[in-house]
Amino acid sequence: MFEQILELVVRYPRIILHRHKNPDGDALGSQLGLRHILRDSFPDKEILAVGDMSDRYAFMVDSPLDTVPDEAYQNALAIVLDTSAKSLICDERYTTAAATARLDHHIFCEEICGLEITDTSFESCCGLVTAMAKECSLTVSPAAAKLLYTGMVTDSGRFRYDSTNAQTHRMAAFLMERDFDTADIYRNLYSDDLSFIQLRANYTLKIQTTPHRVAYIYTDRAEAQSYGVSDFTLSRGMVNVMGEIRGIDSWVNFTETEAGVLCEIRSSKYNINPIAVKYGGGGHQKASGCTLSDREEAMRLLDDLNSLSEVESHA
């Protein structure tokens, strides 16, 4: 499965790793884990990683991201990780590379690179990168294993989401054969400041529901700014305060930002991905997102989710 991308890695002296904007644990884990793997496996090559940063997952960055000049893309291979759409890629210069490849586990939306490797059977892109390293006999250090395991934990919801399968546990076991501290991972992921706990409590009070039991939260720009935290914290960080309500099978978090209304959609039961795609986004069957133009469009998306729940509940 990975022969072609390995051939590209061998061919080019410089490899530049990209992933999606506003990175989560899986995006950073796959990017930085692969940087370790390629540097250790091909010490004669220059392996670089570019992109923005998330305060929530800054603990994962064991060495800084790279500053890459435009000319570095000449005679380079650009690999895009954990990204389903061109508009989400953290640095558009990947298109100027001599060759491009993608490793991704999202539902396919559009062609991004010259070589496309997408496999939705993996719960995370980190799981896919782990499979590549295992199949190709690449060097996986404890540092690389810790990053990849962290991404697997975050995208599988601590191995609770139904994307978790036997393959997930095989890859996790392969990584855990390396010597790293899982307790350190969980301390960083699931210990929060009091202010964050209070913010979650405030968001819980904001939950509303539609007639067909879709839960939602809408935060306008003024309120979002008043919290003094990142848009990512309010958007993806708060969506799952609605995730364990009895009788709620789908939920959505809307957050107004300068870039538009960030929309995070989740479901424990239904395939909500086509709705995200309809509004220019994508992701997984039960976890997707998009960016909308205004509140009016957000309410149209909410109506679509409500209609989906109505149809599915009578199916």
C-alpha atoms as a PDB file:
ATOM      1  CA  MET A   1       0.000   0.000   0.000  1.00  0.00           C
ATOM      2  CA  PHE A   2       2.855   2.394   0.777  1.00  0.00           C
ATOM      3  CA  GLU A   3       5.364   1.420  -1.946  1.00  0.00           C
ATOM      4  CA  GLN A   4       4.761   4.496  -4.095  1.00  0.00           C
ATOM      5  CA  ILE A   5       5.149   7.052  -1.322  1.00  0.00           C
ATOM      6  CA  LEU A   6       8.275   5.301  -0.082  1.00  0.00           C
ATOM      7  CA  GLU A   7       9.695   5.526  -3.615  1.00  0.00           C
ATOM      8  CA  LEU A   8       9.071   9.289  -3.575  1.00  0.00           C
ATOM      9  CA  VAL A   9      10.698   9.649  -0.162  1.00  0.00           C
ATOM     10  CA  VAL A  10      13.780   7.820  -1.426  1.00  0.00           C
ATOM     11  CA  ARG A  11      13.915   9.934  -4.601  1.00  0.00           C
ATOM     12  CA  TYR A  12      13.840  13.444  -3.113  1.00  0.00           C
ATOM     13  CA  PRO A  13      16.547  14.991  -0.914  1.00  0.00           C
ATOM     14  CA  ARG A  14      14.104  17.255   0.935  1.00  0.00           C
ATOM     15  CA  ILE A  15      10.660  16.348   2.309  1.00  0.00           C
ATOM     16  CA  ILE A  16       8.305  19.039   3.644  1.00  0.00           C
ATOM     17  CA  LEU A  17       5.408  17.902   5.834  1.00  0.00           C
ATOM     18  CA  HIS A  18       2.064  19.730   5.844  1.00  0.00           C
ATOM     19  CA  ARG A  19      -1.283  19.140   7.598  1.00  0.00           C
ATOM     20  CA  HIS A  20      -4.500  21.033   8.252  1.00  0.00           C
ATOM     21  CA  LYS A  21      -4.802  24.460   9.855  1.00  0.00           C
ATOM     22  CA  ASN A  22      -5.736  24.766  13.551  1.00  0.00           C
ATOM     23  CA  PRO A  23      -4.094  21.414  14.254  1.00  0.00           C
ATOM     24  CA  ASP A  24      -5.554  18.862  16.616  1.00  0.00           C
ATOM     25  CA  GLY A  25      -3.664  16.013  18.249  1.00  0.00           C
ATOM     26  CA  ASP A  26      -3.888  13.774  15.189  1.00  0.00           C
ATOM     27  CA  ALA A  27      -2.640  16.439  12.771  1.00  0.00           C
ATOM     28  CA  LEU A  28       0.356  17.301  14.957  1.00  0.00           C
ATOM     29  CA  GLY A  29       1.020  13.714  15.937  1.00  0.00           C
ATOM     30  CA  SER A  30       1.101  12.464  12.361  1.00  0.00           C
ATOM     31  CA  GLN A  31       3.186  15.396  11.107  1.00  0.00           C
ATOM     32  CA  LEU A  32       5.752  15.484  13.911  1.00  0.00           C
ATOM     33  CA  GLY A  33       5.797  11.722  14.347  1.00  0.00           C
ATOM     34  CA  LEU A  34       6.547  11.283  10.646  1.00  0.00           C
ATOM     35  CA  ARG A  35       9.243  13.967  10.882  1.00  0.00           C
ATOM     36  CA  HIS A  36      10.998  11.869  13.535  1.00  0.00           C
ATOM     37  CA  ILE A  37      10.549   8.660  11.536  1.00  0.00           C
ATOM     38  CA  LEU A  38      11.944  10.101   8.302  1.00  0.00           C
ATOM     39  CA  ARG A  39      14.837  11.882  10.006  1.00  0.00           C
ATOM     40  CA  ASP A  40      15.813   8.678  11.799  1.00  0.00           C
ATOM     41  CA  SER A  41      15.291   6.431   8.785  1.00  0.00           C
ATOM     42  CA  PHE A  42      16.917   8.741   6.215  1.00  0.00           C
ATOM     43  CA  PRO A  43      19.575  10.802   8.053  1.00  0.00           C
ATOM     44  CA  ASP A  44      21.002  12.095   4.760  1.00  0.00           C
ATOM     45  CA  LYS A  45      17.721  13.866   3.880  1.00  0.00           C
ATOM     46  CA  GLU A  46      16.316  17.200   5.051  1.00  0.00           C
ATOM     47  CA  ILE A  47      12.936  16.665   6.727  1.00  0.00           C
ATOM     48  CA  LEU A  48      10.908  19.801   7.512  1.00  0.00           C
ATOM     49  CA  ALA A  49       7.475  20.470   9.050  1.00  0.00           C
ATOM     50  CA  VAL A  50       5.445  23.659   8.523  1.00  0.00           C
ATOM     51  CA  GLY A  51       2.229  25.175   9.829  1.00  0.00           C
ATOM     52  CA  ASP A  52       0.448  27.059  12.570  1.00  0.00           C
ATOM     53  CA  MET A  53       0.211  25.982  16.189  1.00  0.00           C
ATOM     54  CA  SER A  54      -2.502  25.210  18.736  1.00  0.00           C
ATOM     55  CA  ASP A  55      -2.031  26.165  22.385  1.00  0.00           C
ATOM     56  CA  ARG A  56      -4.097  23.129  23.390  1.00  0.00           C
ATOM     57  CA  TYR A  57      -1.593  20.707  21.849  1.00  0.00           C
ATOM     58  CA  ALA A  58       1.612  22.708  22.232  1.00  0.00           C
ATOM     59  CA  PHE A  59       2.880  20.093  24.712  1.00  0.00           C
ATOM     60  CA  MET A  60       3.312  17.708  21.765  1.00  0.00           C
ATOM     61  CA  VAL A  61       5.925  19.865  20.041  1.00  0.00           C
ATOM     62  CA  ASP A  62       9.241  18.452  21.191  1.00  0.00           C
ATOM     63  CA  SER A  63      11.200  20.567  18.677  1.00  0.00           C
ATOM     64  CA  PRO A  64      10.092  23.726  16.846  1.00  0.00           C
ATOM     65  CA  LEU A  65       8.285  23.748  13.535  1.00  0.00           C
ATOM     66  CA  ASP A  66      10.486  24.795  10.631  1.00  0.00           C
ATOM     67  CA  THR A  67      10.721  28.124   8.823  1.00  0.00           C
ATOM     68  CA  VAL A  68      10.883  27.167   5.160  1.00  0.00           C
ATOM     69  CA  PRO A  69      11.790  29.625   2.363  1.00  0.00           C
ATOM     70  CA  ASP A  70       9.919  29.429  -0.941  1.00  0.00           C
ATOM     71  CA  GLU A  71      12.924  28.099  -2.828  1.00  0.00           C
ATOM     72  CA  ALA A  72      13.107  25.068  -0.530  1.00  0.00           C
ATOM     73  CA  TYR A  73      10.161  23.563  -2.402  1.00  0.00           C
ATOM     74  CA  GLN A  74      12.251  23.217  -5.540  1.00  0.00           C
ATOM     75  CA  ASN A  75      13.256  19.570  -5.948  1.00  0.00           C
ATOM     76  CA  ALA A  76      11.317  18.705  -2.776  1.00  0.00           C
ATOM     77  CA  LEU A  77       8.531  16.266  -1.937  1.00  0.00           C
ATOM     78  CA  ALA A  78       5.587  17.772  -0.040  1.00  0.00           C
ATOM     79  CA  ILE A  79       3.492  15.354   2.020  1.00  0.00           C
ATOM     80  CA  VAL A  80       0.063  16.501   3.240  1.00  0.00           C
ATOM     81  CA  LEU A  81      -1.264  14.704   6.315  1.00  0.00           C
ATOM     82  CA  ASP A  82      -4.712  14.416   7.909  1.00  0.00           C
ATOM     83  CA  THR A  83      -6.424  16.796   5.478  1.00  0.00           C
ATOM     84  CA  SER A  84      -9.527  16.204   3.352  1.00  0.00           C
ATOM     85  CA  ALA A  85      -9.730  19.484   1.387  1.00  0.00           C
ATOM     86  CA  LYS A  86      -7.294  21.921  -0.222  1.00  0.00           C
ATOM     87  CA  SER A  87      -8.758  24.886   1.630  1.00  0.00           C
ATOM     88  CA  LEU A  88      -7.774  23.345   4.972  1.00  0.00           C
ATOM     89  CA  ILE A  89      -4.056  22.854   4.268  1.00  0.00           C
ATOM     90  CA  CYS A  90      -1.847  24.935   6.546  1.00  0.00           C
ATOM     91  CA  ASP A  91       0.554  26.206   3.851  1.00  0.00           C
ATOM     92  CA  GLU A  92      -0.494  26.554   0.213  1.00  0.00           C
ATOM     93  CA  ARG A  93       3.092  26.353  -1.033  1.00  0.00           C
ATOM     94  CA  TYR A  94       2.882  22.576  -1.107  1.00  0.00           C
ATOM     95  CA  THR A  95       1.602  22.989  -4.674  1.00  0.00           C
ATOM     96  CA  THR A  96       4.997  24.387  -5.734  1.00  0.00           C
ATOM     97  CA  ALA A  97       6.894  21.241  -4.709  1.00  0.00           C
ATOM     98  CA  ALA A  98       8.396  18.969  -7.343  1.00  0.00           C
ATOM     99  CA  ALA A  99       6.118  16.144  -6.150  1.00  0.00           C
ATOM    100  CA  THR A 100       3.198  15.896  -3.741  1.00  0.00           C
ATOM    101  CA  ALA A 101       1.606  13.066  -1.766  1.00  0.00           C
ATOM    102  CA  ARG A 102      -1.200  12.776   0.759  1.00  0.00           C
ATOM    103  CA  LEU A 103      -1.707  10.436   3.708  1.00  0.00           C
ATOM    104  CA  ASP A 104      -5.227  10.762   5.130  1.00  0.00           C
ATOM    105  CA  HIS A 105      -8.018   8.858   6.854  1.00  0.00           C
ATOM    106  CA  HIS A 106     -10.944  11.183   6.097  1.00  0.00           C
ATOM    107  CA  ILE A 107     -13.732  10.509   3.621  1.00  0.00           C
ATOM    108  CA  PHE A 108     -12.407  11.494   0.176  1.00  0.00           C
ATOM    109  CA  CYS A 109     -13.669  14.914  -0.938  1.00  0.00           C
ATOM    110  CA  GLU A 110     -11.266  15.999  -3.655  1.00  0.00           C
ATOM    111  CA  GLU A 111      -7.875  15.251  -5.157  1.00  0.00           C
ATOM    112  CA  ILE A 112      -5.172  17.226  -3.364  1.00  0.00           C
ATOM    113  CA  CYS A 113      -1.850  15.694  -4.387  1.00  0.00           C
ATOM    114  CA  GLY A 114      -0.186  13.785  -7.181  1.00  0.00           C
ATOM    115  CA  LEU A 115      -0.177  10.632  -5.062  1.00  0.00           C
ATOM    116  CA  GLU A 116      -3.241   9.989  -2.918  1.00  0.00           C
ATOM    117  CA  ILE A 117      -3.278   7.467  -0.069  1.00  0.00           C
ATOM    118  CA  THR A 118      -6.557   7.715   1.841  1.00  0.00           C
ATOM    119  CA  ASP A 119      -7.922   4.917   4.004  1.00  0.00           C
ATOM    120  CA  THR A 120     -10.993   5.477   6.176  1.00  0.00           C
ATOM    121  CA  SER A 121     -10.483   2.165   7.986  1.00  0.00           C
ATOM    122  CA  PHE A 122      -7.970   3.966  10.204  1.00  0.00           C
ATOM    123  CA  GLU A 123      -9.319   5.832  13.225  1.00  0.00           C
ATOM    124  CA  SER A 124      -6.574   8.443  12.838  1.00  0.00           C
ATOM    125  CA  CYS A 125      -3.918   9.628  10.441  1.00  0.00           C
ATOM    126  CA  CYS A 126      -1.442   8.659  13.162  1.00  0.00           C
ATOM    127  CA  GLY A 127      -2.674   5.085  12.823  1.00  0.00           C
ATOM    128  CA  LEU A 128      -2.088   5.260   9.064  1.00  0.00           C
ATOM    129  CA  VAL A 129       1.436   6.668   9.522  1.00  0.00           C
ATOM    130  CA  THR A 130       2.139   3.908  12.058  1.00  0.00           C
ATOM    131  CA  ALA A 131       1.020   1.290   9.541  1.00  0.00           C
ATOM    132  CA  MET A 132       3.322   2.822   6.930  1.00  0.00           C
ATOM    133  CA  ALA A 133       6.286   2.761   9.302  1.00  0.00           C
ATOM    134  CA  LYS A 134       5.542  -0.841  10.288  1.00  0.00           C
ATOM    135  CA  GLU A 135       4.995  -2.086   6.726  1.00  0.00           C
ATOM    136  CA  CYS A 136       8.069  -0.293   5.369  1.00  0.00           C
ATOM    137  CA  SER A 137      10.325  -1.245   8.319  1.00  0.00           C
ATOM    138  CA  LEU A 138      11.113   2.388   9.114  1.00  0.00           C
ATOM    139  CA  THR A 139      12.714   3.482  12.378  1.00  0.00           C
ATOM    140  CA  VAL A 140      10.173   4.402  15.060  1.00  0.00           C
ATOM    141  CA  SER A 141      11.865   5.975  18.075  1.00  0.00           C
ATOM    142  CA  PRO A 142      10.156   6.395  21.470  1.00  0.00           C
ATOM    143  CA  ALA A 143       9.672  10.096  20.627  1.00  0.00           C
ATOM    144  CA  ALA A 144       7.925   9.246  17.345  1.00  0.00           C
ATOM    145  CA  ALA A 145       5.845   6.537  19.020  1.00  0.00           C
ATOM    146  CA  LYS A 146       4.674   8.927  21.747  1.00  0.00           C
ATOM    147  CA  LEU A 147       3.517  11.502  19.180  1.00  0.00           C
ATOM    148  CA  LEU A 148       1.694   8.934  17.069  1.00  0.00           C
ATOM    149  CA  TYR A 149       0.069   7.309  20.109  1.00  0.00           C
ATOM    150  CA  THR A 150      -1.119  10.720  21.327  1.00  0.00           C
ATOM    151  CA  GLY A 151      -2.812  11.358  17.990  1.00  0.00           C
ATOM    152  CA  MET A 152      -4.452   7.952  18.075  1.00  0.00           C
ATOM    153  CA  VAL A 153      -5.777   8.640  21.575  1.00  0.00           C
ATOM    154  CA  THR A 154      -7.265  12.010  20.622  1.00  0.00           C
ATOM    155  CA  ASP A 155      -8.910  10.943  17.359  1.00  0.00           C
ATOM    156  CA  SER A 156     -10.321   7.730  18.827  1.00  0.00           C
ATOM    157  CA  GLY A 157     -11.644   9.455  21.955  1.00  0.00           C
ATOM    158  CA  ARG A 158      -9.406   7.332  24.185  1.00  0.00           C
ATOM    159  CA  PHE A 159     -10.319   4.283  22.049  1.00  0.00           C
ATOM    160  CA  ARG A 160     -14.050   4.817  22.695  1.00  0.00           C
ATOM    161  CA  TYR A 161     -15.347   6.025  19.297  1.00  0.00           C
ATOM    162  CA  ASP A 162     -16.744   3.431  16.935  1.00  0.00           C
ATOM    163  CA  SER A 163     -13.921   4.152  14.477  1.00  0.00           C
ATOM    164  CA  THR A 164     -11.769   2.124  16.885  1.00  0.00           C
ATOM    165  CA  ASN A 165     -11.231  -1.427  15.621  1.00  0.00           C
ATOM    166  CA  ALA A 166      -8.816  -4.353  15.895  1.00  0.00           C
ATOM    167  CA  GLN A 167      -6.396  -2.570  13.573  1.00  0.00           C
ATOM    168  CA  THR A 168      -6.343   0.393  15.972  1.00  0.00           C
ATOM    169  CA  HIS A 169      -5.227  -1.777  18.849  1.00  0.00           C
ATOM    170  CA  ARG A 170      -2.617  -3.554  16.729  1.00  0.00           C
ATOM    171  CA  MET A 171      -1.041  -0.234  15.796  1.00  0.00           C
ATOM    172  CA  ALA A 172      -1.250   1.015  19.400  1.00  0.00           C
ATOM    173  CA  ALA A 173       0.458  -2.165  20.602  1.00  0.00           C
ATOM    174  CA  PHE A 174       3.207  -1.695  18.014  1.00  0.00           C
ATOM    175  CA  LEU A 175       3.847   1.818  19.322  1.00  0.00           C
ATOM    176  CA  MET A 176       3.702   0.797  22.978  1.00  0.00           C
ATOM    177  CA  GLU A 177       6.589  -1.587  22.416  1.00  0.00           C
ATOM    178  CA  ARG A 178       8.694   1.591  22.519  1.00  0.00           C
ATOM    179  CA  ASP A 179       9.531   3.130  25.873  1.00  0.00           C
ATOM    180  CA  PHE A 180       7.419   6.247  26.454  1.00  0.00           C
ATOM    181  CA  ASP A 181       5.261   7.579  29.269  1.00  0.00           C
ATOM    182  CA  THR A 182       1.536   7.208  28.553  1.00  0.00           C
ATOM    183  CA  ALA A 183       0.680   8.815  31.909  1.00  0.00           C
ATOM    184  CA  ASP A 184       2.372  12.004  30.716  1.00  0.00           C
ATOM    185  CA  ILE A 185       0.161  11.992  27.617  1.00  0.00           C
ATOM    186  CA  TYR A 186      -3.044  11.678  29.622  1.00  0.00           C
ATOM    187  CA  ARG A 187      -1.979  14.324  32.146  1.00  0.00           C
ATOM    188  CA  ASN A 188      -1.507  16.824  29.346  1.00  0.00           C
ATOM    189  CA  LEU A 189      -4.642  15.864  27.440  1.00  0.00           C
ATOM    190  CA  TYR A 190      -7.174  15.582  30.241  1.00  0.00           C
ATOM    191  CA  SER A 191      -6.027  17.897  33.017  1.00  0.00           C
ATOM    192  CA  ASP A 192      -7.415  21.409  32.610  1.00  0.00           C
ATOM    193  CA  ASP A 193      -7.095  24.757  34.317  1.00  0.00           C
ATOM    194  CA  LEU A 194     -10.006  25.817  36.505  1.00  0.00           C
ATOM    195  CA  SER A 195     -10.838  28.556  33.993  1.00  0.00           C
ATOM    196  CA  PHE A 196     -11.323  25.942  31.249  1.00  0.00           C
ATOM    197  CA  ILE A 197     -13.553  23.813  33.479  1.00  0.00           C
ATOM    198  CA  GLN A 198     -15.631  26.918  34.207  1.00  0.00           C
ATOM    199  CA  LEU A 199     -15.817  27.702  30.494  1.00  0.00           C
ATOM    200  CA  ARG A 200     -17.143  24.202  29.801  1.00  0.00           C
ATOM    201  CA  ALA A 201     -19.722  24.674  32.544  1.00  0.00           C
ATOM    202  CA  ASN A 202     -20.819  27.942  30.941  1.00  0.00           C
ATOM    203  CA  TYR A 203     -21.154  26.232  27.560  1.00  0.00           C
ATOM    204  CA  THR A 204     -23.255  23.486  29.114  1.00  0.00           C
ATOM    205  CA  LEU A 205     -25.761  26.148  30.156  1.00  0.00           C
ATOM    206  CA  LYS A 206     -25.918  27.384  26.537  1.00  0.00           C
ATOM    207  CA  ILE A 207     -27.140  24.076  25.059  1.00  0.00           C
ATOM    208  CA  GLN A 208     -30.363  24.222  23.042  1.00  0.00           C
ATOM    209  CA  THR A 209     -32.204  21.511  21.116  1.00  0.00           C
ATOM    210  CA  THR A 210     -34.255  21.353  17.910  1.00  0.00           C
ATOM    211  CA  PRO A 211     -37.690  19.684  17.660  1.00  0.00           C
ATOM    212  CA  HIS A 212     -36.014  16.424  16.563  1.00  0.00           C
ATOM    213  CA  ARG A 213     -33.412  16.409  19.313  1.00  0.00           C
ATOM    214  CA  VAL A 214     -30.340  17.911  17.677  1.00  0.00           C
ATOM    215  CA  ALA A 215     -28.345  19.754  20.341  1.00  0.00           C
ATOM    216  CA  TYR A 216     -26.599  22.975  19.404  1.00  0.00           C
ATOM    217  CA  ILE A 217     -24.694  25.945  20.780  1.00  0.00           C
ATOM    218  CA  TYR A 218     -24.298  29.253  18.979  1.00  0.00           C
ATOM    219  CA  THR A 219     -21.691  31.774  20.126  1.00  0.00           C
ATOM    220  CA  ASP A 220     -21.648  35.176  18.446  1.00  0.00           C
ATOM    221  CA  ARG A 221     -18.448  37.129  17.812  1.00  0.00           C
ATOM    222  CA  ALA A 222     -18.781  39.517  20.753  1.00  0.00           C
ATOM    223  CA  GLU A 223     -19.320  36.701  23.231  1.00  0.00           C
ATOM    224  CA  ALA A 224     -16.503  34.623  21.716  1.00  0.00           C
ATOM    225  CA  GLN A 225     -14.066  37.515  22.109  1.00  0.00           C
ATOM    226  CA  SER A 226     -15.149  38.058  25.706  1.00  0.00           C
ATOM    227  CA  TYR A 227     -13.784  34.655  26.759  1.00  0.00           C
ATOM    228  CA  GLY A 228     -10.212  35.579  25.839  1.00  0.00           C
ATOM    229  CA  VAL A 229      -9.350  32.143  24.427  1.00  0.00           C
ATOM    230  CA  SER A 230      -8.654  30.838  20.935  1.00  0.00           C
ATOM    231  CA  ASP A 231     -11.374  30.180  18.368  1.00  0.00           C
ATOM    232  CA  PHE A 232     -10.223  26.544  18.326  1.00  0.00           C
ATOM    233  CA  THR A 233     -10.861  26.249  22.077  1.00  0.00           C
ATOM    234  CA  LEU A 234     -14.410  27.525  21.675  1.00  0.00           C
ATOM    235  CA  SER A 235     -15.179  25.570  18.517  1.00  0.00           C
ATOM    236  CA  ARG A 236     -13.661  22.105  18.578  1.00  0.00           C
ATOM    237  CA  GLY A 237     -12.824  22.316  22.256  1.00  0.00           C
ATOM    238  CA  MET A 238     -16.441  22.798  23.329  1.00  0.00           C
ATOM    239  CA  VAL A 239     -18.406  20.690  20.843  1.00  0.00           C
ATOM    240  CA  ASN A 240     -18.418  17.576  22.994  1.00  0.00           C
ATOM    241  CA  VAL A 241     -20.009  19.208  26.036  1.00  0.00           C
ATOM    242  CA  MET A 242     -23.135  18.005  24.198  1.00  0.00           C
ATOM    243  CA  GLY A 243     -21.765  14.532  23.484  1.00  0.00           C
ATOM    244  CA  GLU A 244     -23.204  12.478  26.323  1.00  0.00           C
ATOM    245  CA  ILE A 245     -26.783  13.701  26.642  1.00  0.00           C
ATOM    246  CA  ARG A 246     -29.304  10.873  26.741  1.00  0.00           C
ATOM    247  CA  GLY A 247     -31.611  11.019  23.715  1.00  0.00           C
ATOM    248  CA  ILE A 248     -29.306  13.302  21.699  1.00  0.00           C
ATOM    249  CA  ASP A 249     -27.814  11.541  18.664  1.00  0.00           C
ATOM    250  CA  SER A 250     -26.408  14.598  16.821  1.00  0.00           C
ATOM    251  CA  TRP A 251     -24.982  17.890  17.978  1.00  0.00           C
ATOM    252  CA  VAL A 252     -23.325  20.966  16.471  1.00  0.00           C
ATOM    253  CA  ASN A 253     -21.280  23.867  17.814  1.00  0.00           C
ATOM    254  CA  PHE A 254     -21.316  27.225  15.955  1.00  0.00           C
ATOM    255  CA  THR A 255     -18.660  29.849  16.709  1.00  0.00           C
ATOM    256  CA  GLU A 256     -18.502  33.240  15.013  1.00  0.00           C
ATOM    257  CA  THR A 257     -14.942  34.283  14.059  1.00  0.00           C
ATOM    258  CA  GLU A 258     -13.303  36.780  11.733  1.00  0.00           C
ATOM    259  CA  ALA A 259     -13.019  33.988   9.152  1.00  0.00           C
ATOM    260  CA  GLY A 260     -16.701  33.042   9.361  1.00  0.00           C
ATOM    261  CA  VAL A 261     -18.841  30.768  11.504  1.00  0.00           C
ATOM    262  CA  LEU A 262     -16.842  27.706  12.530  1.00  0.00           C
ATOM    263  CA  CYS A 263     -19.094  24.676  12.593  1.00  0.00           C
ATOM    264  CA  GLU A 264     -18.227  21.406  14.347  1.00  0.00           C
ATOM    265  CA  ILE A 265     -20.745  18.597  13.775  1.00  0.00           C
ATOM    266  CA  ARG A 266     -20.853  15.299  15.650  1.00  0.00           C
ATOM    267  CA  SER A 267     -23.179  12.296  15.835  1.00  0.00           C
ATOM    268  CA  SER A 268     -23.185   9.056  17.765  1.00  0.00           C
ATOM    269  CA  LYS A 269     -25.574   7.436  15.302  1.00  0.00           C
ATOM    270  CA  TYR A 270     -25.941   9.122  11.895  1.00  0.00           C
ATOM    271  CA  ASN A 271     -23.727   9.937   8.909  1.00  0.00           C
ATOM    272  CA  ILE A 272     -23.573  13.728   9.075  1.00  0.00           C
ATOM    273  CA  ASN A 273     -20.656  14.050   6.640  1.00  0.00           C
ATOM    274  CA  PRO A 274     -22.816  14.817   3.545  1.00  0.00           C
ATOM    275  CA  ILE A 275     -24.230  17.849   5.345  1.00  0.00           C
ATOM    276  CA  ALA A 276     -20.735  19.162   6.090  1.00  0.00           C
ATOM    277  CA  VAL A 277     -19.735  18.558   2.460  1.00  0.00           C
ATOM    278  CA  LYS A 278     -22.859  20.399   1.264  1.00  0.00           C
ATOM    279  CA  TYR A 279     -21.567  23.496   3.079  1.00  0.00           C
ATOM    280  CA  GLY A 280     -17.990  23.202   1.814  1.00  0.00           C
ATOM    281  CA  GLY A 281     -16.509  21.091   4.607  1.00  0.00           C
ATOM    282  CA  GLY A 282     -15.805  17.433   5.250  1.00  0.00           C
ATOM    283  CA  GLY A 283     -14.362  14.938   7.684  1.00  0.00           C
ATOM    284  CA  HIS A 284     -15.751  11.616   8.894  1.00  0.00           C
ATOM    285  CA  GLN A 285     -19.196  10.029   8.917  1.00  0.00           C
ATOM    286  CA  LYS A 286     -19.833  10.999  12.524  1.00  0.00           C
ATOM    287  CA  ALA A 287     -17.385  13.891  13.027  1.00  0.00           C
ATOM    288  CA  SER A 288     -17.162  16.644  10.432  1.00  0.00           C
ATOM    289  CA  GLY A 289     -16.812  20.394  10.166  1.00  0.00           C
ATOM    290  CA  CYS A 290     -17.078  23.399   7.875  1.00  0.00           C
ATOM    291  CA  THR A 291     -16.888  27.196   7.887  1.00  0.00           C
ATOM    292  CA  LEU A 292     -20.071  29.139   7.130  1.00  0.00           C
ATOM    293  CA  SER A 293     -20.610  32.703   6.004  1.00  0.00           C
ATOM    294  CA  ASP A 294     -23.079  33.889   8.668  1.00  0.00           C
ATOM    295  CA  ARG A 295     -25.695  32.933  11.245  1.00  0.00           C
ATOM    296  CA  GLU A 296     -28.390  32.555   8.607  1.00  0.00           C
ATOM    297  CA  GLU A 297     -26.382  29.859   6.833  1.00  0.00           C
ATOM    298  CA  ALA A 298     -25.669  28.218  10.191  1.00  0.00           C
ATOM    299  CA  MET A 299     -29.389  27.950  10.870  1.00  0.00           C
ATOM    300  CA  ARG A 300     -29.928  26.356   7.444  1.00  0.00           C
ATOM    301  CA  LEU A 301     -27.328  23.729   8.327  1.00  0.00           C
ATOM    302  CA  LEU A 302     -29.060  23.185  11.662  1.00  0.00           C
ATOM    303  CA  ASP A 303     -32.357  22.681   9.816  1.00  0.00           C
ATOM    304  CA  ASP A 304     -30.655  20.041   7.642  1.00  0.00           C
ATOM    305  CA  LEU A 305     -29.416  18.215  10.748  1.00  0.00           C
ATOM    306  CA  ASN A 306     -32.887  18.408  12.263  1.00  0.00           C
ATOM    307  CA  SER A 307     -34.390  16.962   9.067  1.00  0.00           C
ATOM    308  CA  LEU A 308     -31.804  14.180   9.035  1.00  0.00           C
ATOM    309  CA  SER A 309     -32.725  13.240  12.593  1.00  0.00           C
ATOM    310  CA  GLU A 310     -36.413  13.285  11.714  1.00  0.00           C
ATOM    311  CA  VAL A 311     -35.921  10.986   8.708  1.00  0.00           C
ATOM    312  CA  GLU A 312     -33.536   8.612  10.452  1.00  0.00           C
ATOM    313  CA  SER A 313     -35.700   8.311  13.561  1.00  0.00           C
ATOM    314  CA  HIS A 314     -38.599   7.089  11.396  1.00  0.00           C
ATOM    315  CA  ALA A 315     -36.501   4.777   9.226  1.00  0.00           C
END
